[in-house]
Amino acid sequence: MAIFLTKDSKVLVQGMTGGEGMKHTRRMLAAGTNVVGGVNPRKAGHSVDFDIPQSLNGLGGAPSAVRVFGSVREGMDTTGADVTVVFVPPAFAKAAVLEAADAGIGLAVVITEGIPVHDSVAFTSYAKSRGTRIIGPNCPGLITPGQSNAGIIPADITKPGRIGLVSKSGTLTYQLMYELRDIGFSTCVGIGGDPVVGTSHIDCLAAFEADPDTELIVMIGEIGGDAEERAAAYIHDHVTKPVVGYIAGFSAPEGRTMGHAGAIVSGSSGTARAKQEALEAVGVKVGGTPAETARLALGALADQA
């Protein structure tokens, strides 16, 4: 089982013919993702050949020819696509997401960073009204190991397994995936660290709670905002599975943005300590480092056995 993304997902890539789009489409194909098309109105009707080097998946593979469509709707009508991954530049990201939502796509994974907050507010609200789930923006995407990979998460650092992971931080997503690679993951979701994101910790907690093959949830947060405190309240009321957490930013200076646009502490609001205390108050074990968090997760799984 998995959440949001499975082996049956059919993926379009908006911005596939750009540098980042080309690089990561190749990696998605190497991971077994069913990439059914790209979107670029200026190159509609062409196909792009992707060689899959052995170094990407350990096996190599025959070249994949991926067709380029003029619009998301054309791609969906032709291929049955239900996921889009957005690699377009910040100035055009809002239009790309609105186009995908108007076409009725079920899931839009917005990798682009540097999108103005007012644009993110507009397209996340509009997409929700159209029934489109947004992952991101400014995120690494999501992966269901062994099934599908939508975004930029390395596919070779873990395997399918029993842990569900939701994280604000791309780097910490990769580290926890590697630390817990011997157990493996149902799905790993990088929700992004901007002030406004389309899918929250709570959305992922609810999905993992409903997934019969997810036995434990790892939740990575960071300073800024109150998403983790709200997640703690949700865990108390709705989550029966064990949750292990990690909060990045204990040493961050007050008033300074740290990496992500949403990672800023104002006064006593949004501190790592406050988030840790809120999670621990509802029974979540919170690690002091990523390595300690992994050990806590292993211990929680052992307790269930």
Protein backbone atom coordinates (compact mmCIF):
# COMPACT_ATOMS: atom_id res chain seq x y z
CA MET A 1 0.00 0.00 0.00
CA ALA A 2 0.97 3.65 -0.27
CA ILE A 3 -0.45 7.15 0.02
CA PHE A 4 -1.04 9.57 -2.86
CA LEU A 5 1.31 7.78 -5.34
CA THR A 6 1.34 4.16 -6.53
CA LYS A 7 2.70 1.98 -9.34
CA ASP A 8 -0.49 2.74 -11.26
CA SER A 9 0.05 6.52 -11.19
CA LYS A 10 0.52 8.06 -14.64
CA VAL A 11 2.79 11.07 -14.48
CA LEU A 12 3.12 14.19 -16.64
CA VAL A 13 6.07 16.56 -16.24
CA GLN A 14 5.42 20.27 -16.78
CA GLY A 15 8.74 21.78 -17.77
CA MET A 16 10.16 18.42 -18.82
CA THR A 17 12.28 19.88 -21.62
CA GLY A 18 14.16 22.27 -19.32
CA GLY A 19 17.44 21.38 -17.66
CA GLU A 20 16.04 20.29 -14.29
CA GLY A 21 13.01 18.68 -15.90
CA MET A 22 15.18 16.57 -18.20
CA LYS A 23 17.53 15.48 -15.41
CA HIS A 24 14.84 14.44 -13.00
CA THR A 25 12.52 12.91 -15.59
CA ARG A 26 15.42 10.58 -16.40
CA ARG A 27 15.76 9.74 -12.71
CA MET A 28 12.02 9.18 -12.34
CA LEU A 29 12.02 6.82 -15.31
CA ALA A 30 15.00 4.96 -13.83
CA ALA A 31 13.00 4.50 -10.61
CA GLY A 32 10.17 2.84 -12.53
CA THR A 33 7.82 5.82 -12.58
CA ASN A 34 5.24 5.65 -15.36
CA VAL A 35 6.07 9.00 -16.97
CA VAL A 36 3.54 9.26 -19.79
CA GLY A 37 4.35 12.71 -21.15
CA GLY A 38 5.79 16.17 -20.80
CA VAL A 39 4.07 19.53 -21.25
CA ASN A 40 5.53 22.40 -23.27
CA PRO A 41 3.28 24.30 -25.74
CA ARG A 42 6.29 25.31 -27.85
CA LYS A 43 7.42 21.71 -28.34
CA ALA A 44 4.07 19.96 -28.62
CA GLY A 45 4.11 16.91 -30.87
CA HIS A 46 7.79 16.14 -30.34
CA SER A 47 9.20 13.25 -28.33
CA VAL A 48 12.22 13.24 -26.05
CA ASP A 49 14.44 10.15 -25.86
CA PHE A 50 15.79 9.34 -22.42
CA ASP A 51 18.70 6.95 -22.05
CA ILE A 52 18.74 5.35 -18.61
CA PRO A 53 22.37 4.96 -17.52
CA GLN A 54 23.25 1.95 -15.41
CA SER A 55 24.50 4.30 -12.72
CA LEU A 56 20.95 5.53 -12.06
CA ASN A 57 19.29 2.22 -11.30
CA GLY A 58 22.02 -0.40 -11.29
CA LEU A 59 20.52 -2.07 -14.31
CA GLY A 60 20.41 0.38 -17.14
CA GLY A 61 17.56 0.09 -19.56
CA ALA A 62 16.27 0.69 -23.04
CA PRO A 63 15.77 4.33 -24.06
CA SER A 64 12.34 5.73 -23.24
CA ALA A 65 10.65 8.04 -25.73
CA VAL A 66 8.39 10.49 -23.87
CA ARG A 67 5.91 12.53 -25.87
CA VAL A 68 5.53 16.28 -25.33
CA PHE A 69 1.99 17.68 -25.20
CA GLY A 70 0.80 21.24 -25.67
CA SER A 71 -1.26 21.32 -22.48
CA VAL A 72 -2.00 19.32 -19.36
CA ARG A 73 -5.51 18.63 -20.59
CA GLU A 74 -4.21 17.20 -23.88
CA GLY A 75 -1.77 15.02 -21.97
CA MET A 76 -4.50 13.76 -19.64
CA ASP A 77 -6.95 13.10 -22.47
CA THR A 78 -4.34 11.16 -24.44
CA THR A 79 -2.65 9.19 -21.67
CA GLY A 80 -5.01 9.12 -18.70
CA ALA A 81 -2.41 10.92 -16.56
CA ASP A 82 -3.44 11.60 -12.96
CA VAL A 83 -0.26 13.20 -11.58
CA THR A 84 1.80 16.15 -12.75
CA VAL A 85 5.25 17.22 -11.56
CA VAL A 86 5.95 20.94 -11.99
CA PHE A 87 9.51 22.08 -12.82
CA VAL A 88 8.66 25.42 -14.42
CA PRO A 89 10.38 28.66 -13.26
CA PRO A 90 8.82 30.65 -10.38
CA ALA A 91 7.32 33.34 -12.60
CA PHE A 92 5.27 30.75 -14.49
CA ALA A 93 4.51 28.30 -11.69
CA LYS A 94 1.14 29.79 -10.75
CA ALA A 95 -0.13 29.53 -14.33
CA ALA A 96 1.17 25.97 -14.60
CA VAL A 97 -0.63 24.84 -11.45
CA LEU A 98 -3.86 26.62 -12.39
CA GLU A 99 -3.73 24.91 -15.78
CA ALA A 100 -3.29 21.52 -14.13
CA ALA A 101 -6.15 22.16 -11.71
CA ASP A 102 -8.45 23.32 -14.52
CA ALA A 103 -7.65 20.10 -16.37
CA GLY A 104 -8.77 18.11 -13.34
CA ILE A 105 -5.47 16.46 -12.43
CA GLY A 106 -5.64 14.62 -9.12
CA LEU A 107 -2.16 15.41 -7.81
CA ALA A 108 0.25 18.23 -8.64
CA VAL A 109 3.76 18.02 -7.22
CA VAL A 110 5.29 21.51 -7.30
CA ILE A 111 9.08 21.26 -7.07
CA THR A 112 9.80 24.90 -7.95
CA GLU A 113 11.30 27.07 -5.22
CA GLY A 114 11.17 30.84 -4.97
CA ILE A 115 7.48 31.14 -5.83
CA PRO A 116 5.96 34.35 -4.40
CA VAL A 117 3.78 33.62 -1.38
CA HIS A 118 0.76 35.37 -2.88
CA ASP A 119 1.01 33.07 -5.90
CA SER A 120 1.14 30.02 -3.64
CA VAL A 121 -1.90 31.24 -1.71
CA ALA A 122 -3.80 31.68 -4.96
CA PHE A 123 -3.00 28.36 -6.59
CA THR A 124 -3.26 26.18 -3.46
CA SER A 125 -6.71 27.60 -2.71
CA TYR A 126 -7.85 27.27 -6.31
CA ALA A 127 -6.50 23.73 -6.65
CA LYS A 128 -8.33 22.66 -3.50
CA SER A 129 -11.58 24.04 -4.89
CA ARG A 130 -11.03 21.95 -8.04
CA GLY A 131 -10.20 18.74 -6.19
CA THR A 132 -6.47 18.79 -6.99
CA ARG A 133 -4.03 17.91 -4.21
CA ILE A 134 -0.87 20.02 -4.17
CA ILE A 135 2.41 18.70 -2.78
CA GLY A 136 4.77 21.65 -2.24
CA PRO A 137 5.77 24.13 -3.48
CA ASN A 138 9.53 24.18 -2.83
CA CYS A 139 9.58 20.50 -2.05
CA PRO A 140 11.41 17.31 -3.11
CA GLY A 141 8.16 15.56 -4.02
CA LEU A 142 7.18 12.10 -2.88
CA ILE A 143 8.23 8.52 -3.44
CA THR A 144 6.62 5.16 -2.90
CA PRO A 145 9.74 2.97 -3.02
CA GLY A 146 9.62 0.24 -5.61
CA GLN A 147 6.52 1.73 -7.22
CA SER A 148 6.80 5.36 -8.28
CA ASN A 149 8.82 8.51 -7.69
CA ALA A 150 7.39 11.97 -8.43
CA GLY A 151 10.00 14.65 -7.89
CA ILE A 152 13.69 14.76 -7.01
CA ILE A 153 14.03 12.29 -4.12
CA PRO A 154 16.87 9.80 -4.74
CA ALA A 155 15.27 6.43 -5.40
CA ASP A 156 18.19 4.22 -4.42
CA ILE A 157 18.64 5.08 -0.73
CA THR A 158 15.82 2.99 0.70
CA LYS A 159 13.38 0.18 -0.08
CA PRO A 160 9.68 -0.62 0.39
CA GLY A 161 8.74 -1.11 4.01
CA ARG A 162 6.57 -0.28 7.00
CA ILE A 163 7.34 3.36 7.81
CA GLY A 164 5.52 6.43 6.56
CA LEU A 165 7.56 9.64 6.43
CA VAL A 166 6.35 13.24 6.19
CA SER A 167 8.87 16.07 6.24
CA LYS A 168 9.27 19.79 5.68
CA SER A 169 12.94 19.36 4.81
CA GLY A 170 14.21 17.67 1.67
CA THR A 171 17.68 16.98 3.07
CA LEU A 172 16.30 15.46 6.27
CA THR A 173 13.88 13.38 4.20
CA TYR A 174 16.85 11.79 2.48
CA GLN A 175 18.79 11.33 5.70
CA LEU A 176 15.97 9.56 7.54
CA MET A 177 15.27 7.41 4.49
CA TYR A 178 18.90 6.32 4.56
CA GLU A 179 19.06 5.88 8.34
CA LEU A 180 16.01 3.58 8.22
CA ARG A 181 16.79 1.89 4.90
CA ASP A 182 16.89 -1.59 6.47
CA ILE A 183 13.21 -1.25 7.44
CA GLY A 184 11.99 0.70 4.42
CA PHE A 185 9.03 2.95 3.73
CA SER A 186 5.46 2.82 2.48
CA THR A 187 5.64 6.40 1.16
CA CYS A 188 7.91 9.39 1.86
CA VAL A 189 6.37 12.83 1.36
CA GLY A 190 8.35 16.07 1.32
CA ILE A 191 5.66 18.70 1.88
CA GLY A 192 7.97 21.72 1.48
CA GLY A 193 9.09 24.45 3.83
CA ASP A 194 7.39 27.54 2.43
CA PRO A 195 4.89 29.51 4.58
CA VAL A 196 2.04 28.19 2.41
CA VAL A 197 1.98 24.58 1.22
CA GLY A 198 -0.76 22.51 -0.33
CA THR A 199 -0.46 19.37 1.80
CA SER A 200 0.17 19.53 5.53
CA HIS A 201 1.59 17.23 8.16
CA ILE A 202 -1.99 16.55 9.22
CA ASP A 203 -3.03 15.48 5.72
CA CYS A 204 -0.19 12.96 5.64
CA LEU A 205 -0.82 11.77 9.19
CA ALA A 206 -4.43 11.04 8.27
CA ALA A 207 -3.42 9.16 5.13
CA PHE A 208 -0.77 7.10 6.92
CA GLU A 209 -3.20 6.30 9.73
CA ALA A 210 -5.62 4.92 7.13
CA ASP A 211 -2.93 2.93 5.27
CA PRO A 212 -2.94 -0.66 6.58
CA ASP A 213 0.68 -1.26 5.61
CA THR A 214 2.11 1.76 7.43
CA GLU A 215 3.00 0.64 10.96
CA LEU A 216 4.89 3.71 12.19
CA ILE A 217 5.03 7.37 11.17
CA VAL A 218 8.10 9.59 11.20
CA MET A 219 7.31 13.31 11.17
CA ILE A 220 10.02 15.91 10.52
CA GLY A 221 9.29 19.52 11.29
CA GLU A 222 11.27 22.70 11.64
CA ILE A 223 11.11 26.12 13.24
CA GLY A 224 8.51 28.65 12.12
CA GLY A 225 4.73 28.61 12.11
CA ASP A 226 2.53 26.33 14.16
CA ALA A 227 2.06 23.33 11.84
CA GLU A 228 3.74 20.94 14.24
CA GLU A 229 1.65 22.10 17.20
CA ARG A 230 -1.51 21.58 15.15
CA ALA A 231 -0.20 18.17 14.09
CA ALA A 232 0.32 17.29 17.76
CA ALA A 233 -3.31 18.07 18.53
CA TYR A 234 -4.39 15.94 15.57
CA ILE A 235 -2.21 13.03 16.71
CA HIS A 236 -3.79 13.18 20.16
CA ASP A 237 -7.31 13.00 18.75
CA HIS A 238 -6.97 10.80 15.67
CA VAL A 239 -3.73 8.84 15.33
CA THR A 240 -3.38 5.39 16.91
CA LYS A 241 -0.09 4.38 15.31
CA PRO A 242 3.23 5.28 16.94
CA VAL A 243 4.73 8.57 15.76
CA VAL A 244 8.39 9.57 16.07
CA GLY A 245 9.43 13.16 15.41
CA TYR A 246 12.37 15.43 14.79
CA ILE A 247 12.40 19.23 14.80
CA ALA A 248 15.17 21.09 12.95
CA GLY A 249 16.35 24.49 14.16
CA PHE A 250 17.13 24.38 17.88
CA SER A 251 20.15 26.64 17.36
CA ALA A 252 18.52 29.07 14.91
CA PRO A 253 18.79 32.76 15.88
CA GLU A 254 15.55 34.65 16.46
CA GLY A 255 14.19 36.66 13.55
CA ARG A 256 16.37 35.14 10.83
CA THR A 257 15.04 33.00 8.00
CA MET A 258 16.90 29.69 7.98
CA GLY A 259 16.88 28.01 4.58
CA HIS A 260 13.15 27.76 4.03
CA ALA A 261 10.99 30.81 3.65
CA GLY A 262 8.72 29.59 6.43
CA ALA A 263 11.54 28.79 8.88
CA ILE A 264 11.66 31.96 10.94
CA VAL A 265 11.13 32.41 14.67
CA SER A 266 9.36 35.51 16.00
CA GLY A 267 9.57 35.91 19.76
CA SER A 268 8.45 32.68 21.43
CA SER A 269 6.32 31.61 18.46
CA GLY A 270 7.49 28.78 16.24
CA THR A 271 10.50 27.68 18.29
CA ALA A 272 11.87 24.17 18.06
CA ARG A 273 11.49 23.73 21.83
CA ALA A 274 7.80 24.65 21.76
CA LYS A 275 7.17 22.19 18.94
CA GLN A 276 9.08 19.43 20.72
CA GLU A 277 7.11 20.00 23.91
CA ALA A 278 3.78 19.94 22.07
CA LEU A 279 4.64 16.63 20.39
CA GLU A 280 6.01 14.99 23.51
CA ALA A 281 2.91 16.03 25.44
CA VAL A 282 0.82 13.76 23.19
CA GLY A 283 3.19 10.81 23.38
CA VAL A 284 5.38 11.44 20.34
CA LYS A 285 9.02 10.52 20.92
CA VAL A 286 11.20 13.34 19.57
CA GLY A 287 14.85 12.76 18.70
CA GLY A 288 17.57 15.29 19.34
CA THR A 289 19.33 14.41 16.08
CA PRO A 290 18.29 12.56 12.91
CA ALA A 291 20.33 9.53 14.03
CA GLU A 292 18.61 9.49 17.42
CA THR A 293 15.25 9.84 15.69
CA ALA A 294 16.04 6.76 13.62
CA ARG A 295 16.95 4.83 16.78
CA LEU A 296 13.67 5.87 18.39
CA ALA A 297 11.79 4.66 15.31
CA LEU A 298 13.54 1.29 15.41
CA GLY A 299 12.74 1.01 19.11
CA ALA A 300 9.07 1.83 18.52
CA LEU A 301 8.83 -0.85 15.84
CA ALA A 302 10.51 -3.37 18.14
CA ASP A 303 7.98 -2.52 20.87
CA GLN A 304 5.18 -3.41 18.47
CA ALA A 305 6.64 -6.81 17.57
